[in-house]
C-alpha cells in the first residue's frame, strides 16, 4: 500500500514538474489569447495514470504563477486556468474512446480560458474561445495524440504501480 502511494505521488510530481518546465521553456508561446502551450501535450497522461490529474493541476498552478510573476498573465488565471486543467484532466481520465482523449483540454480551455481572456482583455468572446481552441487543438492532437499512441505501446513499463 505504501509503495503504491509513493508511486502515485512520484508520478504526480514528475508530471507536474514536466508540465511546468515545458511551459517555462516555451514561455513565448505559452500565454495570451493565441497560445500554443507545448506542455498541454501532457494532458493525455490521465489516460495512463490517475496521478496525472493532480500532477497536471499542480504543474499548471506553478506555470500560471510563473506567468503572473513574469507579467504574462493575470492573477485570476492561477485559479481559473488551473481549474480548467483539473477539469479537463478528470474528463480525459473518464473518456473511454482513445481518439477522443485529447479533446477535453481543447473544449474546456476554449470555453473557460477563452471566457477569462475575453473578460480580462475586453476581447470578443467567440474569437477568444476560437483562438484558445485552435492552439489547444494543434498541441493536443499534433503532439498529445502521438504521445498517447507511443505511450500505449510502453505503458506497462512506464506507469507500473508496484
N, C-alpha and C. Protein backbone atom coordinates (compact mmCIF):
# COMPACT_ATOMS: atom_id res chain seq x y z
N UNK A 1 0.83 -1.20 0.00
CA UNK A 1 0.00 0.00 0.00
C UNK A 1 0.87 1.26 0.00
N UNK A 2 1.90 1.26 0.84
CA UNK A 2 2.79 2.42 0.94
C UNK A 2 3.54 2.63 -0.37
N UNK A 3 3.96 1.52 -1.00
CA UNK A 3 4.65 1.59 -2.29
C UNK A 3 3.76 2.22 -3.35
N UNK A 4 2.50 1.85 -3.34
CA UNK A 4 1.54 2.36 -4.32
C UNK A 4 1.33 3.86 -4.13
N UNK A 5 1.23 4.29 -2.88
CA UNK A 5 1.05 5.72 -2.59
C UNK A 5 2.28 6.52 -3.00
N UNK A 6 3.46 5.96 -2.75
CA UNK A 6 4.71 6.61 -3.14
C UNK A 6 4.80 6.73 -4.66
N UNK A 7 4.42 5.66 -5.37
CA UNK A 7 4.43 5.69 -6.85
C UNK A 7 3.48 6.75 -7.37
N UNK A 8 2.30 6.84 -6.77
CA UNK A 8 1.30 7.83 -7.17
C UNK A 8 1.85 9.25 -6.99
N UNK A 9 2.37 9.53 -5.81
CA UNK A 9 2.91 10.87 -5.53
C UNK A 9 4.11 11.20 -6.43
N UNK A 10 4.95 10.21 -6.67
CA UNK A 10 6.11 10.43 -7.54
C UNK A 10 5.66 10.73 -8.96
N UNK A 11 4.72 9.96 -9.47
CA UNK A 11 4.20 10.21 -10.83
C UNK A 11 3.57 11.59 -10.92
N UNK A 12 2.77 11.95 -9.94
CA UNK A 12 2.13 13.28 -9.94
C UNK A 12 3.18 14.39 -9.94
N UNK A 13 4.20 14.23 -9.10
CA UNK A 13 5.26 15.25 -9.00
C UNK A 13 6.05 15.37 -10.30
N UNK A 14 6.39 14.25 -10.90
CA UNK A 14 7.16 14.27 -12.15
C UNK A 14 6.33 14.89 -13.27
N UNK A 15 5.06 14.55 -13.35
CA UNK A 15 4.19 15.11 -14.39
C UNK A 15 4.03 16.62 -14.18
N UNK A 16 3.82 17.03 -12.93
CA UNK A 16 3.71 18.46 -12.64
C UNK A 16 4.98 19.22 -13.00
N UNK A 17 6.11 18.63 -12.67
CA UNK A 17 7.40 19.27 -12.98
C UNK A 17 7.62 19.36 -14.49
N UNK A 18 7.27 18.29 -15.21
CA UNK A 18 7.42 18.32 -16.68
C UNK A 18 6.51 19.38 -17.29
N UNK A 19 5.27 19.47 -16.80
CA UNK A 19 4.33 20.47 -17.33
C UNK A 19 4.89 21.88 -17.10
N UNK A 20 5.32 22.16 -15.87
CA UNK A 20 5.85 23.49 -15.55
C UNK A 20 7.12 23.79 -16.35
N UNK A 21 8.01 22.81 -16.46
CA UNK A 21 9.26 23.02 -17.20
C UNK A 21 9.00 23.30 -18.67
N UNK A 22 8.09 22.55 -19.28
CA UNK A 22 7.77 22.78 -20.70
C UNK A 22 7.12 24.14 -20.91
N UNK A 23 6.23 24.52 -19.99
CA UNK A 23 5.58 25.84 -20.11
C UNK A 23 6.61 26.95 -20.02
N UNK A 24 7.52 26.83 -19.08
CA UNK A 24 8.54 27.87 -18.89
C UNK A 24 9.56 27.87 -20.03
N UNK A 25 9.89 26.70 -20.54
CA UNK A 25 10.85 26.61 -21.65
C UNK A 25 10.29 27.25 -22.91
N UNK A 26 8.99 27.19 -23.06
CA UNK A 26 8.33 27.76 -24.25
C UNK A 26 7.42 28.93 -23.85
N UNK A 27 7.91 29.77 -22.95
CA UNK A 27 7.13 30.90 -22.45
C UNK A 27 6.59 31.77 -23.58
N UNK A 28 7.37 31.96 -24.62
CA UNK A 28 6.97 32.83 -25.73
C UNK A 28 5.66 32.39 -26.39
N UNK A 29 5.30 31.12 -26.28
CA UNK A 29 4.07 30.65 -26.91
C UNK A 29 3.06 30.11 -25.90
N UNK A 30 3.34 30.26 -24.60
CA UNK A 30 2.51 29.63 -23.57
C UNK A 30 1.42 30.51 -22.99
N UNK A 31 1.44 31.80 -23.27
CA UNK A 31 0.48 32.71 -22.66
C UNK A 31 -0.14 33.61 -23.71
N UNK A 32 -1.33 34.14 -23.40
CA UNK A 32 -2.00 35.07 -24.30
C UNK A 32 -3.21 34.44 -24.96
N UNK A 33 -3.91 35.23 -25.78
CA UNK A 33 -5.11 34.74 -26.45
C UNK A 33 -4.74 33.70 -27.50
N UNK A 34 -3.68 33.94 -28.21
CA UNK A 34 -3.18 32.94 -29.15
C UNK A 34 -1.99 32.27 -28.46
N UNK A 35 -2.22 31.02 -28.04
CA UNK A 35 -1.16 30.32 -27.32
C UNK A 35 -1.04 28.89 -27.81
N UNK A 36 0.18 28.45 -27.87
CA UNK A 36 0.49 27.07 -28.22
C UNK A 36 1.35 26.53 -27.07
N UNK A 37 0.68 26.17 -25.97
CA UNK A 37 1.37 25.72 -24.77
C UNK A 37 1.77 24.26 -24.96
N UNK A 38 3.04 24.04 -25.28
CA UNK A 38 3.57 22.72 -25.57
C UNK A 38 3.27 21.73 -24.44
N UNK A 39 3.28 22.21 -23.22
CA UNK A 39 3.02 21.35 -22.06
C UNK A 39 1.63 20.71 -22.11
N UNK A 40 0.72 21.29 -22.87
CA UNK A 40 -0.63 20.72 -22.98
C UNK A 40 -0.63 19.36 -23.67
N UNK A 41 0.46 19.00 -24.33
CA UNK A 41 0.57 17.65 -24.90
C UNK A 41 0.49 16.60 -23.80
N UNK A 42 0.91 16.98 -22.59
CA UNK A 42 0.89 16.04 -21.47
C UNK A 42 -0.51 15.78 -20.93
N UNK A 43 -1.50 16.50 -21.42
CA UNK A 43 -2.86 16.31 -20.92
C UNK A 43 -3.46 14.97 -21.33
N UNK A 44 -2.74 14.18 -22.12
CA UNK A 44 -3.20 12.81 -22.42
C UNK A 44 -2.80 11.84 -21.32
N UNK A 45 -1.94 12.24 -20.42
CA UNK A 45 -1.42 11.32 -19.40
C UNK A 45 -2.47 10.75 -18.44
N UNK A 46 -3.59 11.43 -18.17
CA UNK A 46 -4.61 10.79 -17.35
C UNK A 46 -5.16 9.49 -17.96
N UNK A 47 -4.93 9.27 -19.24
CA UNK A 47 -5.33 8.02 -19.87
C UNK A 47 -4.54 6.84 -19.29
N UNK A 48 -3.38 7.12 -18.70
CA UNK A 48 -2.49 6.07 -18.21
C UNK A 48 -2.41 5.98 -16.69
N UNK A 49 -2.57 7.10 -16.03
CA UNK A 49 -2.45 7.10 -14.57
C UNK A 49 -3.32 8.20 -13.96
N UNK A 50 -4.05 7.87 -12.90
CA UNK A 50 -4.83 8.92 -12.23
C UNK A 50 -3.94 9.97 -11.57
N UNK A 51 -2.68 9.64 -11.34
CA UNK A 51 -1.74 10.61 -10.75
C UNK A 51 -1.51 11.81 -11.65
N UNK A 52 -1.82 11.66 -12.93
CA UNK A 52 -1.65 12.78 -13.85
C UNK A 52 -2.64 13.90 -13.56
N UNK A 53 -3.76 13.60 -12.95
CA UNK A 53 -4.77 14.64 -12.68
C UNK A 53 -4.23 15.68 -11.71
N UNK A 54 -3.79 15.30 -10.50
CA UNK A 54 -3.20 16.33 -9.63
C UNK A 54 -1.86 16.84 -10.16
N UNK A 55 -1.13 15.99 -10.88
CA UNK A 55 0.15 16.42 -11.43
C UNK A 55 -0.01 17.55 -12.44
N UNK A 56 -0.95 17.39 -13.36
CA UNK A 56 -1.20 18.44 -14.36
C UNK A 56 -1.72 19.71 -13.69
N UNK A 57 -2.58 19.53 -12.70
CA UNK A 57 -3.11 20.69 -11.97
C UNK A 57 -1.98 21.46 -11.28
N UNK A 58 -1.13 20.74 -10.57
CA UNK A 58 -0.02 21.39 -9.86
C UNK A 58 0.94 22.07 -10.85
N UNK A 59 1.23 21.38 -11.95
CA UNK A 59 2.11 21.96 -12.96
C UNK A 59 1.52 23.22 -13.56
N UNK A 60 0.21 23.22 -13.76
CA UNK A 60 -0.46 24.40 -14.31
C UNK A 60 -0.48 25.55 -13.31
N UNK A 61 -0.70 25.24 -12.04
CA UNK A 61 -0.65 26.28 -10.99
C UNK A 61 0.73 26.94 -10.99
N UNK A 62 1.77 26.13 -10.99
CA UNK A 62 3.15 26.65 -10.99
C UNK A 62 3.41 27.48 -12.25
N UNK A 63 2.97 26.97 -13.39
CA UNK A 63 3.17 27.69 -14.66
C UNK A 63 2.44 29.02 -14.68
N UNK A 64 1.20 29.02 -14.21
CA UNK A 64 0.43 30.26 -14.22
C UNK A 64 0.93 31.25 -13.18
N UNK A 65 1.45 30.75 -12.07
CA UNK A 65 2.10 31.62 -11.09
C UNK A 65 3.34 32.26 -11.70
N UNK A 66 4.14 31.45 -12.38
CA UNK A 66 5.31 31.95 -13.09
C UNK A 66 4.89 33.00 -14.14
N UNK A 67 3.85 32.70 -14.89
CA UNK A 67 3.34 33.64 -15.91
C UNK A 67 2.89 34.94 -15.30
N UNK A 68 2.25 34.87 -14.14
CA UNK A 68 1.79 36.07 -13.45
C UNK A 68 2.98 36.90 -12.98
N UNK A 69 3.96 36.26 -12.36
CA UNK A 69 5.15 36.96 -11.87
C UNK A 69 5.90 37.61 -13.03
N UNK A 70 5.94 36.93 -14.16
CA UNK A 70 6.64 37.44 -15.34
C UNK A 70 5.81 38.48 -16.11
N UNK A 71 4.58 38.75 -15.65
CA UNK A 71 3.73 39.73 -16.32
C UNK A 71 3.09 39.21 -17.60
N UNK A 72 3.02 37.89 -17.74
CA UNK A 72 2.47 37.29 -18.95
C UNK A 72 0.97 36.99 -18.85
N UNK A 73 0.45 36.93 -17.62
CA UNK A 73 -0.95 36.57 -17.43
C UNK A 73 -1.51 37.29 -16.20
N UNK A 74 -2.71 36.94 -15.84
CA UNK A 74 -3.41 37.61 -14.74
C UNK A 74 -3.44 36.72 -13.50
N UNK A 75 -3.56 37.34 -12.34
CA UNK A 75 -3.64 36.60 -11.09
C UNK A 75 -4.77 35.58 -11.11
N UNK A 76 -5.89 35.96 -11.68
CA UNK A 76 -7.06 35.09 -11.73
C UNK A 76 -6.79 33.81 -12.53
N UNK A 77 -5.84 33.85 -13.44
CA UNK A 77 -5.52 32.68 -14.26
C UNK A 77 -4.92 31.56 -13.43
N UNK A 78 -4.27 31.91 -12.33
CA UNK A 78 -3.71 30.88 -11.45
C UNK A 78 -4.85 29.98 -10.96
N UNK A 79 -6.00 30.56 -10.69
CA UNK A 79 -7.14 29.81 -10.18
C UNK A 79 -8.03 29.27 -11.30
N UNK A 80 -8.42 30.14 -12.22
CA UNK A 80 -9.36 29.72 -13.27
C UNK A 80 -8.69 28.81 -14.30
N UNK A 81 -7.55 29.21 -14.82
CA UNK A 81 -6.86 28.40 -15.81
C UNK A 81 -6.44 27.04 -15.26
N UNK A 82 -5.97 27.04 -14.03
CA UNK A 82 -5.55 25.78 -13.41
C UNK A 82 -6.75 24.88 -13.12
N UNK A 83 -7.86 25.47 -12.74
CA UNK A 83 -9.09 24.69 -12.52
C UNK A 83 -9.60 24.09 -13.83
N UNK A 84 -9.44 24.82 -14.92
CA UNK A 84 -9.81 24.29 -16.23
C UNK A 84 -8.96 23.06 -16.56
N UNK A 85 -7.68 23.13 -16.25
CA UNK A 85 -6.79 21.98 -16.48
C UNK A 85 -7.20 20.80 -15.61
N UNK A 86 -7.57 21.05 -14.38
CA UNK A 86 -8.01 19.99 -13.47
C UNK A 86 -9.27 19.30 -14.02
N UNK A 87 -10.25 20.09 -14.46
CA UNK A 87 -11.47 19.54 -15.04
C UNK A 87 -11.18 18.75 -16.30
N UNK A 88 -10.35 19.31 -17.18
CA UNK A 88 -10.01 18.63 -18.44
C UNK A 88 -9.28 17.32 -18.17
N UNK A 89 -8.39 17.29 -17.19
CA UNK A 89 -7.66 16.07 -16.86
C UNK A 89 -8.61 14.99 -16.35
N UNK A 90 -9.54 15.38 -15.51
CA UNK A 90 -10.53 14.43 -15.00
C UNK A 90 -11.38 13.87 -16.14
N UNK A 91 -11.83 14.74 -17.05
CA UNK A 91 -12.63 14.29 -18.19
C UNK A 91 -11.82 13.37 -19.11
N UNK A 92 -10.55 13.69 -19.30
CA UNK A 92 -9.68 12.84 -20.11
C UNK A 92 -9.60 11.45 -19.49
N UNK A 93 -9.53 11.39 -18.19
CA UNK A 93 -9.44 10.10 -17.48
C UNK A 93 -10.69 9.25 -17.70
N UNK A 94 -11.88 9.87 -17.71
CA UNK A 94 -13.11 9.07 -17.78
C UNK A 94 -13.57 8.75 -19.20
N UNK A 95 -13.06 9.47 -20.19
CA UNK A 95 -13.44 9.18 -21.58
C UNK A 95 -12.85 7.83 -21.98
N UNK A 96 -13.65 7.00 -22.61
CA UNK A 96 -13.21 5.65 -22.97
C UNK A 96 -12.64 5.56 -24.38
N UNK A 97 -13.06 6.41 -25.30
CA UNK A 97 -12.62 6.34 -26.69
C UNK A 97 -11.26 7.01 -26.82
N UNK A 98 -10.24 6.22 -27.19
CA UNK A 98 -8.86 6.70 -27.25
C UNK A 98 -8.69 7.96 -28.10
N UNK A 99 -9.30 7.98 -29.27
CA UNK A 99 -9.13 9.12 -30.18
C UNK A 99 -9.73 10.41 -29.62
N UNK A 100 -10.58 10.31 -28.61
CA UNK A 100 -11.19 11.50 -28.01
C UNK A 100 -10.48 11.97 -26.74
N UNK A 101 -9.48 11.22 -26.29
CA UNK A 101 -8.75 11.59 -25.06
C UNK A 101 -8.15 13.00 -25.11
N UNK A 102 -7.64 13.48 -26.27
CA UNK A 102 -7.09 14.84 -26.30
C UNK A 102 -8.17 15.94 -26.37
N UNK A 103 -9.42 15.57 -26.53
CA UNK A 103 -10.47 16.57 -26.75
C UNK A 103 -10.86 17.39 -25.51
N UNK A 104 -10.95 16.82 -24.31
CA UNK A 104 -11.37 17.64 -23.16
C UNK A 104 -10.54 18.91 -22.94
N UNK A 105 -9.20 18.87 -23.02
CA UNK A 105 -8.46 20.12 -22.85
C UNK A 105 -8.80 21.17 -23.91
N UNK A 106 -9.08 20.70 -25.12
CA UNK A 106 -9.44 21.63 -26.20
C UNK A 106 -10.73 22.34 -25.84
N UNK A 107 -11.75 21.58 -25.50
CA UNK A 107 -13.08 22.16 -25.24
C UNK A 107 -13.12 22.94 -23.93
N UNK A 108 -12.59 22.36 -22.87
CA UNK A 108 -12.64 23.03 -21.56
C UNK A 108 -11.85 24.33 -21.58
N UNK A 109 -10.64 24.31 -22.11
CA UNK A 109 -9.84 25.53 -22.16
C UNK A 109 -10.43 26.56 -23.11
N UNK A 110 -10.99 26.10 -24.22
CA UNK A 110 -11.63 27.05 -25.15
C UNK A 110 -12.73 27.82 -24.43
N UNK A 111 -13.54 27.11 -23.68
CA UNK A 111 -14.67 27.75 -23.00
C UNK A 111 -14.21 28.57 -21.80
N UNK A 112 -13.48 27.95 -20.89
CA UNK A 112 -13.14 28.62 -19.63
C UNK A 112 -12.03 29.66 -19.81
N UNK A 113 -10.92 29.27 -20.40
CA UNK A 113 -9.81 30.21 -20.58
C UNK A 113 -10.19 31.27 -21.62
N UNK A 114 -10.91 30.85 -22.66
CA UNK A 114 -11.38 31.81 -23.66
C UNK A 114 -12.25 32.89 -23.03
N UNK A 115 -13.18 32.48 -22.15
CA UNK A 115 -14.05 33.45 -21.46
C UNK A 115 -13.24 34.34 -20.53
N UNK A 116 -12.29 33.74 -19.84
CA UNK A 116 -11.43 34.52 -18.93
C UNK A 116 -10.64 35.58 -19.70
N UNK A 117 -10.01 35.17 -20.80
CA UNK A 117 -9.23 36.12 -21.60
C UNK A 117 -10.11 37.18 -22.23
N UNK A 118 -11.28 36.79 -22.66
CA UNK A 118 -12.22 37.76 -23.23
C UNK A 118 -12.58 38.83 -22.20
N UNK A 119 -12.87 38.40 -20.99
CA UNK A 119 -13.23 39.32 -19.93
C UNK A 119 -12.05 40.22 -19.54
N UNK A 120 -10.90 39.61 -19.33
CA UNK A 120 -9.75 40.37 -18.84
C UNK A 120 -9.18 41.32 -19.90
N UNK A 121 -9.22 40.90 -21.16
CA UNK A 121 -8.62 41.71 -22.23
C UNK A 121 -9.65 42.51 -23.02
N UNK A 122 -10.92 42.39 -22.63
CA UNK A 122 -12.01 43.06 -23.36
C UNK A 122 -11.96 42.66 -24.83
N UNK A 123 -11.85 41.38 -25.06
CA UNK A 123 -11.68 40.79 -26.39
C UNK A 123 -12.98 40.07 -26.73
N UNK A 124 -13.42 40.04 -28.01
CA UNK A 124 -14.66 39.36 -28.36
C UNK A 124 -14.65 37.89 -27.91
N UNK A 125 -15.69 37.48 -27.20
CA UNK A 125 -15.76 36.17 -26.57
C UNK A 125 -15.50 35.02 -27.53
N UNK A 126 -16.24 34.95 -28.62
CA UNK A 126 -16.12 33.79 -29.51
C UNK A 126 -14.80 33.77 -30.28
N UNK A 127 -14.22 34.93 -30.48
CA UNK A 127 -12.89 34.96 -31.11
C UNK A 127 -11.85 34.44 -30.12
N UNK A 128 -11.94 34.87 -28.86
CA UNK A 128 -11.01 34.39 -27.82
C UNK A 128 -11.15 32.88 -27.66
N UNK A 129 -12.38 32.40 -27.60
CA UNK A 129 -12.60 30.95 -27.46
C UNK A 129 -12.05 30.19 -28.66
N UNK A 130 -12.27 30.72 -29.84
CA UNK A 130 -11.78 30.07 -31.05
C UNK A 130 -10.26 30.02 -31.11
N UNK A 131 -9.62 31.10 -30.69
CA UNK A 131 -8.16 31.13 -30.72
C UNK A 131 -7.56 30.18 -29.69
N UNK A 132 -8.16 30.12 -28.50
CA UNK A 132 -7.68 29.18 -27.50
C UNK A 132 -7.90 27.75 -28.00
N UNK A 133 -9.07 27.50 -28.58
CA UNK A 133 -9.38 26.16 -29.11
C UNK A 133 -8.39 25.76 -30.20
N UNK A 134 -8.05 26.69 -31.07
CA UNK A 134 -7.10 26.39 -32.15
C UNK A 134 -5.74 25.99 -31.60
N UNK A 135 -5.22 26.76 -30.67
CA UNK A 135 -3.92 26.44 -30.06
C UNK A 135 -3.96 25.09 -29.35
N UNK A 136 -5.03 24.84 -28.61
CA UNK A 136 -5.17 23.56 -27.90
C UNK A 136 -5.28 22.39 -28.89
N UNK A 137 -6.04 22.59 -29.93
CA UNK A 137 -6.23 21.54 -30.94
C UNK A 137 -4.91 21.16 -31.59
N UNK A 138 -4.13 22.15 -31.96
CA UNK A 138 -2.83 21.90 -32.59
C UNK A 138 -1.92 21.12 -31.64
N UNK A 139 -1.85 21.54 -30.39
CA UNK A 139 -0.95 20.88 -29.43
C UNK A 139 -1.49 19.53 -28.98
N UNK A 140 -2.76 19.47 -28.60
CA UNK A 140 -3.31 18.23 -28.04
C UNK A 140 -3.41 17.11 -29.07
N UNK A 141 -3.72 17.45 -30.30
CA UNK A 141 -3.78 16.41 -31.33
C UNK A 141 -2.47 16.30 -32.12
N UNK A 142 -1.75 17.40 -32.29
CA UNK A 142 -0.50 17.36 -33.04
C UNK A 142 0.65 16.76 -32.25
N UNK A 143 0.69 17.00 -30.94
CA UNK A 143 1.74 16.45 -30.07
C UNK A 143 1.20 15.43 -29.07
N UNK A 144 0.06 15.74 -28.46
CA UNK A 144 -0.50 14.88 -27.43
C UNK A 144 -0.98 13.53 -27.94
N UNK A 145 -1.65 13.53 -29.06
CA UNK A 145 -2.16 12.25 -29.59
C UNK A 145 -1.03 11.31 -30.01
N UNK A 146 -0.01 11.79 -30.73
CA UNK A 146 1.13 10.90 -31.00
C UNK A 146 1.80 10.41 -29.71
N UNK A 147 1.89 11.27 -28.69
CA UNK A 147 2.43 10.85 -27.40
C UNK A 147 1.58 9.73 -26.81
N UNK A 148 0.27 9.87 -26.89
CA UNK A 148 -0.65 8.85 -26.41
C UNK A 148 -0.41 7.51 -27.10
N UNK A 149 -0.23 7.55 -28.40
CA UNK A 149 -0.01 6.32 -29.17
C UNK A 149 1.33 5.66 -28.82
N UNK A 150 2.36 6.48 -28.63
CA UNK A 150 3.68 5.94 -28.25
C UNK A 150 3.61 5.34 -26.84
N UNK A 151 3.00 6.06 -25.92
CA UNK A 151 2.91 5.57 -24.55
C UNK A 151 2.05 4.33 -24.44
N UNK A 152 1.06 4.20 -25.31
CA UNK A 152 0.22 3.00 -25.32
C UNK A 152 1.06 1.73 -25.48
N UNK A 153 2.11 1.82 -26.28
CA UNK A 153 2.97 0.66 -26.53
C UNK A 153 3.89 0.34 -25.36
N UNK A 154 4.15 1.33 -24.50
CA UNK A 154 5.12 1.14 -23.42
C UNK A 154 4.54 1.41 -22.03
N UNK A 155 3.24 1.51 -21.93
CA UNK A 155 2.61 1.93 -20.67
C UNK A 155 2.92 1.02 -19.48
N UNK A 156 3.08 -0.26 -19.71
CA UNK A 156 3.32 -1.18 -18.59
C UNK A 156 4.72 -1.00 -17.99
N UNK A 157 5.64 -0.52 -18.79
CA UNK A 157 6.99 -0.26 -18.27
C UNK A 157 7.07 1.10 -17.58
N UNK A 158 6.34 2.07 -18.12
CA UNK A 158 6.44 3.45 -17.64
C UNK A 158 5.56 3.71 -16.41
N UNK A 159 4.35 3.19 -16.43
CA UNK A 159 3.37 3.52 -15.38
C UNK A 159 3.11 2.36 -14.42
N UNK A 160 4.14 1.59 -14.10
CA UNK A 160 4.00 0.49 -13.13
C UNK A 160 3.57 1.05 -11.80
N UNK A 161 2.68 0.36 -11.14
CA UNK A 161 2.20 0.78 -9.82
C UNK A 161 2.87 0.01 -8.69
N UNK A 162 3.50 -1.11 -8.97
CA UNK A 162 4.09 -1.94 -7.91
C UNK A 162 5.57 -1.72 -7.76
